[in-house]
C-alpha atoms as a PDB file:
ATOM      1  CA  MET A   1      71.365  68.287  76.537  1.00  0.00           C
ATOM      2  CA  ILE A   2      72.482  71.370  78.615  1.00  0.00           C
ATOM      3  CA  VAL A   3      75.863  72.496  78.844  1.00  0.00           C
ATOM      4  CA  LYS A   4      77.286  75.959  80.450  1.00  0.00           C
ATOM      5  CA  ASN A   5      80.722  76.273  81.302  1.00  0.00           C
ATOM      6  CA  ILE A   6      80.358  79.247  84.822  1.00  0.00           C
ATOM      7  CA  ASN A   7      82.799  81.660  83.483  1.00  0.00           C
ATOM      8  CA  GLU A   8      80.853  81.609  80.679  1.00  0.00           C
ATOM      9  CA  ILE A   9      78.707  83.751  83.050  1.00  0.00           C
ATOM     10  CA  GLU A  10      81.067  85.667  84.772  1.00  0.00           C
ATOM     11  CA  GLY A  11      79.937  89.822  83.999  1.00  0.00           C
ATOM     12  CA  THR A  12      76.670  88.656  82.000  1.00  0.00           C
ATOM     13  CA  GLU A  13      73.391  89.771  83.352  1.00  0.00           C
ATOM     14  CA  HIS A  14      73.384  85.972  85.465  1.00  0.00           C
ATOM     15  CA  ASP A  15      76.286  87.056  87.342  1.00  0.00           C
ATOM     16  CA  VAL A  16      74.092  88.399  90.219  1.00  0.00           C
ATOM     17  CA  VAL A  17      76.911  90.470  93.038  1.00  0.00           C
ATOM     18  CA  THR A  18      75.786  92.065  95.842  1.00  0.00           C
ATOM     19  CA  LYS A  19      76.708  93.375  99.328  1.00  0.00           C
ATOM     20  CA  ASN A  20      76.541  90.759 101.523  1.00  0.00           C
ATOM     21  CA  TRP A  21      76.657  87.214  98.271  1.00  0.00           C
ATOM     22  CA  ALA A  22      77.554  87.206  94.264  1.00  0.00           C
ATOM     23  CA  SER A  23      75.332  84.393  92.910  1.00  0.00           C
ATOM     24  CA  ARG A  24      76.674  82.635  88.976  1.00  0.00           C
ATOM     25  CA  ARG A  25      72.535  81.786  87.971  1.00  0.00           C
ATOM     26  CA  ILE A  26      73.733  78.610  85.758  1.00  0.00           C
ATOM     27  CA  LEU A  27      70.606  76.542  84.505  1.00  0.00           C
ATOM     28  CA  LEU A  28      67.405  79.105  85.456  1.00  0.00           C
ATOM     29  CA  LYS A  29      63.742  78.297  84.407  1.00  0.00           C
ATOM     30  CA  LYS A  30      64.433  79.182  80.991  1.00  0.00           C
ATOM     31  CA  ASP A  31      66.484  76.081  81.057  1.00  0.00           C
ATOM     32  CA  GLY A  32      62.909  74.095  81.379  1.00  0.00           C
ATOM     33  CA  MET A  33      64.227  71.404  84.478  1.00  0.00           C
ATOM     34  CA  GLY A  34      62.127  72.615  86.671  1.00  0.00           C
ATOM     35  CA  PHE A  35      64.660  74.260  88.742  1.00  0.00           C
ATOM     36  CA  SER A  36      67.900  76.068  89.234  1.00  0.00           C
ATOM     37  CA  LEU A  37      71.073  75.630  89.637  1.00  0.00           C
ATOM     38  CA  HIS A  38      73.507  78.244  91.395  1.00  0.00           C
ATOM     39  CA  GLU A  39      77.104  78.663  92.532  1.00  0.00           C
ATOM     40  CA  THR A  40      76.990  81.190  95.350  1.00  0.00           C
ATOM     41  CA  THR A  41      79.666  83.160  97.069  1.00  0.00           C
ATOM     42  CA  ILE A  42      79.086  84.730 100.520  1.00  0.00           C
ATOM     43  CA  PHE A  43      81.436  87.186 101.696  1.00  0.00           C
ATOM     44  CA  PRO A  44      83.621  87.237 104.775  1.00  0.00           C
ATOM     45  CA  GLY A  45      81.890  88.871 108.563  1.00  0.00           C
ATOM     46  CA  THR A  46      78.918  88.947 106.790  1.00  0.00           C
ATOM     47  CA  GLU A  47      74.940  88.275 107.918  1.00  0.00           C
ATOM     48  CA  THR A  48      71.621  87.953 105.512  1.00  0.00           C
ATOM     49  CA  TYR A  49      68.326  87.616 106.848  1.00  0.00           C
ATOM     50  CA  ILE A  50      66.421  84.859 104.075  1.00  0.00           C
ATOM     51  CA  TRP A  51      63.506  83.595 103.993  1.00  0.00           C
ATOM     52  CA  TYR A  52      62.349  82.395 100.307  1.00  0.00           C
ATOM     53  CA  LYS A  53      58.606  82.463 100.971  1.00  0.00           C
ATOM     54  CA  HIS A  54      57.633  81.371  97.274  1.00  0.00           C
ATOM     55  CA  HIS A  55      60.949  79.200  96.934  1.00  0.00           C
ATOM     56  CA  LEU A  56      61.939  75.794  98.131  1.00  0.00           C
ATOM     57  CA  GLU A  57      66.179  76.252  98.559  1.00  0.00           C
ATOM     58  CA  ALA A  58      69.208  73.309  99.127  1.00  0.00           C
ATOM     59  CA  VAL A  59      72.443  74.490  99.908  1.00  0.00           C
ATOM     60  CA  PHE A  60      75.272  72.430  99.661  1.00  0.00           C
ATOM     61  CA  CYS A  61      78.633  73.960 100.525  1.00  0.00           C
ATOM     62  CA  ILE A  62      81.765  73.306  99.084  1.00  0.00           C
ATOM     63  CA  GLU A  63      84.255  75.520 100.302  1.00  0.00           C
ATOM     64  CA  GLY A  64      84.425  78.035 103.577  1.00  0.00           C
ATOM     65  CA  GLU A  65      82.788  78.119 107.498  1.00  0.00           C
ATOM     66  CA  GLY A  66      79.643  80.094 108.778  1.00  0.00           C
ATOM     67  CA  GLU A  67      76.452  78.946 110.229  1.00  0.00           C
ATOM     68  CA  VAL A  68      72.777  79.546 109.255  1.00  0.00           C
ATOM     69  CA  GLU A  69      70.386  80.158 111.765  1.00  0.00           C
ATOM     70  CA  THR A  70      66.617  79.365 111.909  1.00  0.00           C
ATOM     71  CA  VAL A  71      64.301  82.079 112.971  1.00  0.00           C
ATOM     72  CA  THR A  72      61.319  79.851 114.476  1.00  0.00           C
ATOM     73  CA  ASP A  73      63.723  78.464 117.357  1.00  0.00           C
ATOM     74  CA  GLY A  74      67.099  80.131 116.792  1.00  0.00           C
ATOM     75  CA  LYS A  75      68.748  77.028 116.490  1.00  0.00           C
ATOM     76  CA  ILE A  76      71.831  77.377 114.671  1.00  0.00           C
ATOM     77  CA  HIS A  77      74.094  74.908 112.202  1.00  0.00           C
ATOM     78  CA  LYS A  78      77.461  74.837 111.470  1.00  0.00           C
ATOM     79  CA  ILE A  79      77.983  75.031 108.426  1.00  0.00           C
ATOM     80  CA  GLY A  80      81.229  74.073 106.399  1.00  0.00           C
ATOM     81  CA  PRO A  81      82.438  71.959 103.316  1.00  0.00           C
ATOM     82  CA  GLY A  82      79.980  69.025 102.795  1.00  0.00           C
ATOM     83  CA  VAL A  83      77.301  70.162 104.930  1.00  0.00           C
ATOM     84  CA  ILE A  84      73.869  70.691 103.361  1.00  0.00           C
ATOM     85  CA  TYR A  85      71.300  72.254 104.211  1.00  0.00           C
ATOM     86  CA  ALA A  86      67.442  72.748 102.867  1.00  0.00           C
ATOM     87  CA  LEU A  87      64.920  75.277 103.520  1.00  0.00           C
ATOM     88  CA  ASN A  88      61.954  72.610 103.485  1.00  0.00           C
ATOM     89  CA  VAL A  89      59.722  74.474 104.934  1.00  0.00           C
ATOM     90  CA  HIS A  90      60.269  78.193 103.903  1.00  0.00           C
ATOM     91  CA  ASP A  91      62.706  78.535 106.955  1.00  0.00           C
ATOM     92  CA  LYS A  92      63.165  82.094 107.503  1.00  0.00           C
ATOM     93  CA  HIS A  93      66.577  82.144 108.600  1.00  0.00           C
ATOM     94  CA  TYR A  94      69.928  84.080 108.876  1.00  0.00           C
ATOM     95  CA  LEU A  95      72.900  82.716 107.165  1.00  0.00           C
ATOM     96  CA  ARG A  96      76.125  83.740 108.262  1.00  0.00           C
ATOM     97  CA  ALA A  97      79.926  83.740 106.818  1.00  0.00           C
ATOM     98  CA  LYS A  98      83.232  83.352 108.754  1.00  0.00           C
ATOM     99  CA  THR A  99      84.686  82.531 106.225  1.00  0.00           C
ATOM    100  CA  LYS A 100      84.286  83.332 102.356  1.00  0.00           C
ATOM    101  CA  MET A 101      82.158  80.430 101.902  1.00  0.00           C
ATOM    102  CA  ARG A 102      81.465  78.694  97.824  1.00  0.00           C
ATOM    103  CA  MET A 103      78.275  76.741  97.668  1.00  0.00           C
ATOM    104  CA  ILE A 104      75.621  75.060  95.399  1.00  0.00           C
ATOM    105  CA  CYS A 105      72.304  76.560  95.848  1.00  0.00           C
ATOM    106  CA  VAL A 106      69.768  74.851  93.633  1.00  0.00           C
ATOM    107  CA  PHE A 107      65.999  75.929  94.442  1.00  0.00           C
ATOM    108  CA  ASN A 108      62.379  75.081  93.106  1.00  0.00           C
ATOM    109  CA  PRO A 109      61.047  76.221  90.869  1.00  0.00           C
ATOM    110  CA  PRO A 110      63.593  77.676  89.597  1.00  0.00           C
ATOM    111  CA  LEU A 111      64.375  81.731  89.348  1.00  0.00           C
ATOM    112  CA  THR A 112      64.580  83.418  86.523  1.00  0.00           C
ATOM    113  CA  GLY A 113      68.397  85.174  87.369  1.00  0.00           C
ATOM    114  CA  ARG A 114      67.534  88.238  87.789  1.00  0.00           C
ATOM    115  CA  GLU A 115      66.139  88.250  91.903  1.00  0.00           C
ATOM    116  CA  VAL A 116      67.259  89.306  94.922  1.00  0.00           C
ATOM    117  CA  HIS A 117      65.930  89.303  98.307  1.00  0.00           C
ATOM    118  CA  ASP A 118      63.827  92.056  99.298  1.00  0.00           C
ATOM    119  CA  ASP A 119      63.194  93.757 102.427  1.00  0.00           C
ATOM    120  CA  GLU A 120      61.691  90.840 103.859  1.00  0.00           C
ATOM    121  CA  GLY A 121      64.744  88.471 102.584  1.00  0.00           C
ATOM    122  CA  VAL A 122      62.171  87.588  99.829  1.00  0.00           C
ATOM    123  CA  TYR A 123      63.044  86.685  96.078  1.00  0.00           C
ATOM    124  CA  PRO A 124      60.083  87.422  94.248  1.00  0.00           C
ATOM    125  CA  LEU A 125      58.219  84.974  92.397  1.00  0.00           C
ATOM    126  CA  LEU A 126      59.181  86.752  89.019  1.00  0.00           C
ATOM    127  CA  ASP A 127      57.187  85.163  85.735  1.00  0.00           C
ATOM    128  CA  GLU A 128      58.996  83.893  82.580  1.00  0.00           C
ATOM    129  CA  PRO A 129      58.407  80.762  80.758  1.00  0.00           C
ATOM    130  CA  ALA A 130      60.331  77.881  80.557  1.00  0.00           C
ATOM    131  CA  ALA A 131      62.135  76.872  77.490  1.00  0.00           C
ATOM    132  CA  ALA A 132      59.770  74.582  75.476  1.00  0.00           C
END
């Protein structure tokens, strides 16, 4: 059984902060669950271009207001508490935060915990063995 306290992640290498967001990586590839789990805070007034070329992601909003816009069709979806969106076809998108947003995110394949978006908005596919 894996038991973790998110407060113990703060300030570690798995507490990743950029100018637009902060992500606490809770369950990672090394945990061997087949997915990773994160709590991500999106800073108010930001816009982030994202393309998970190598990953599928599901995002559940627990706090705040914003929107996600899919690039291929320009559709804008309002995001708020209780809303989930799933990037099931590697959707290129913009995530915009009107207020501070707290999201619970799940990735498949799982992240190692060190990823940040590159110039294309992509998380690289980092190689790290899962726990045995």
